[in-house]
Structure formats: structure tokens, C-alpha cells
């Protein structure tokens, strides 16, 4: 196995400065969770209905932890502001809520608005990785170890919310990310509701019933084909049962999600990575990930799922984290074929 690394080599974390000083953001590193959050700025004071300060005993990088929740630069439910704040609009079990998180002196200062404010603040530690245990991770390859040292603030988020990750993952099936992000943006802005508080044009995702009532022509206009739209409709009809999966072990959660026709291993993995903080939920069935992992760890630009899983076998129990570090390294095989063609079925 190429690129083997001696795990006894010291990998003491170094303190990061800003998210952008380590590597230039690319499509691959963004997928790994690279979201630039300004540091050093003093967060603006905004009056909130609820507040909480939480100081984790580890280095915290908001961009790395919360970056996977962002669905494109125009995500109507997620925003990063120049003062270093991360804003999220959520539909919690208690109702709509807006959460703002910023770092000050190593602690996370959070403010929340709306009916879901208390729920969001209660879930703040889990959102920022409190249930994650990265200490059990041992780098087995030089590339992974290098990225591991440079990204000490990476922890796996756990939102406790299933549909908010499941629906955009369904929209990303078999299309380019640009098409999926556009569909998510259009549908949430049109059928969601303005987020409570001073949320700067953020939107809370639609209720399950609202998703179910979206007319077929609106799915078409957003560029969503009937197969993906039908999968969303089947999911929201059993929304309550799917939300229960957030409290399950990741494998059980994935099994429940995959009972819905149209939801397979790719979609369930992408969902529980966010909703359940699944450390081992490696994404299979992906167009690019096997080649990226194969090239990064063994120089194999034609690796398939089987080869990827073999390469990640030394990280059993932590394969999702290993894949994140590989993506964040930015090492990708040279492109030799055209990009996946972009289509807009809304114009047909």
C-alpha cells in the first residue's frame, strides 16, 4: 500500500491561524469541510432571546466543524459573516430557530432566536463536536498525518436533525453540485420561512407537509427530476420516524433511512455523517471520492468503491474522518475527462 506512514511519528497539532492560510479552498477541500471563517475579528453584539457560552477543552475551528452543513455559497439556511460568526437557520423539534456562533478567547459564544432557540443552545456542544472522539484516530499514511497536524480543530458535528441533511443529499443524487445547490436554494427560499431574529435573509427549511405540497412544476422549475422529487415526497411522509434516527447508532439510522425507496448507501451516509456525527460512515457510490482516496493513498486514479474501502480498512471505525482529512489535503488526480455535464431540466 503506497504512502504508508509510521503511526509512531509525532503528530502534535499546531495552532491554526485562519482557515484560508492552510490551503486554498477547492471543490475537494470544500467537500471535506473547508469553510473560511474569519478569525481575529470581534463578533458584533446582537441582542438575542437566548445566549450561551461554551468553552471546549480542545482547539475549535468553526469552519471545519460546521462547514459540511453548508450547501453551497448561496445556502439560504447558512451564512458566515465578516466578524467570524456562523449563522444557521433550523427547523428544530420545538419550532423554527436561528443560531449564531462565534469564537471569543477559545470559547464558543452562541445566540439564538425563535421557538427553537432553547433547543439549539441545548444542542450546541453536540453541534460543535462534543460527542466526537478524535483521540482514537491514528494516521496510517503520511498524507493523512500531514493534514491531521494542520487541522487540529476538525471534529465531527452532530446536528440531531435528519431531514435538513437528508433532503439536500437527495437533491445531490446523480447531478452536479451546482445543480443541487441551485435546487436547494430555490426551493428553500420559495417554500421556507424567514428565519427568526436578525438573520440577514436566512430561511428556515420548509415543514414536512410543505415539502409534500410542492407542485410538480415547481420541482421541474428548480431542476429536480421526478425520481429525486418522488424520493423527497416519500421521505417527508414519514418525517417523524426518520427524525427518530438521529438518536440511533449510525448503522441503525442508515438502515431506517434506506427503507425509503430512492435512498441508498450514498444518501444515508451523507445524512448520518451530519445528523449523527457518524465517524465510520464512508460514502460509497460516489463519482469522485474513490478516485480521490485511491490517488491520495496509493496513486490509483481509477480506484472504485472496493479499492477505496480496502485502502481505508486501517481506519476501521474512523473511515469518515480519514476521508475528510484526505479531502482536506486537496490532493486530487489530474483531470483527464470533461466535467460531468450540467443540465437544467427547468428549461426543457
Foldseek 3Di string as FASTA:
>chain_A
DPQFDDLVPDLAADDDQWLCVPDHDDPLLLCLQRDTFDPPAADDDDDAPDKDKFADPFQADCSQACSLLDLDPLQLQWDHDNRRKIKGWEQDPQGTKIKIWHDDPRMIIIGMYDRCGVVCVVCVCQQRAVVFDCVVFGDGGPLLSVLCRHCRNHHQHAPLFFLSQLLLLLLPPPADSVLSSQLNNVQQLVAFAQGPDPRPSHTYGHQLVSLLPDDPLSCLLSQHDPLSSVLSNQCSVPVVVLSVLLPPQLVVSLVVSVVRPSRDLQSSLSRCSHNNVQQASDHAPDPFLQLLQCCQRPNRNPGHPVRSCVSQVVRHSRSSVSSSSSSSSVDGDDDDDDDDDHDRSSVD
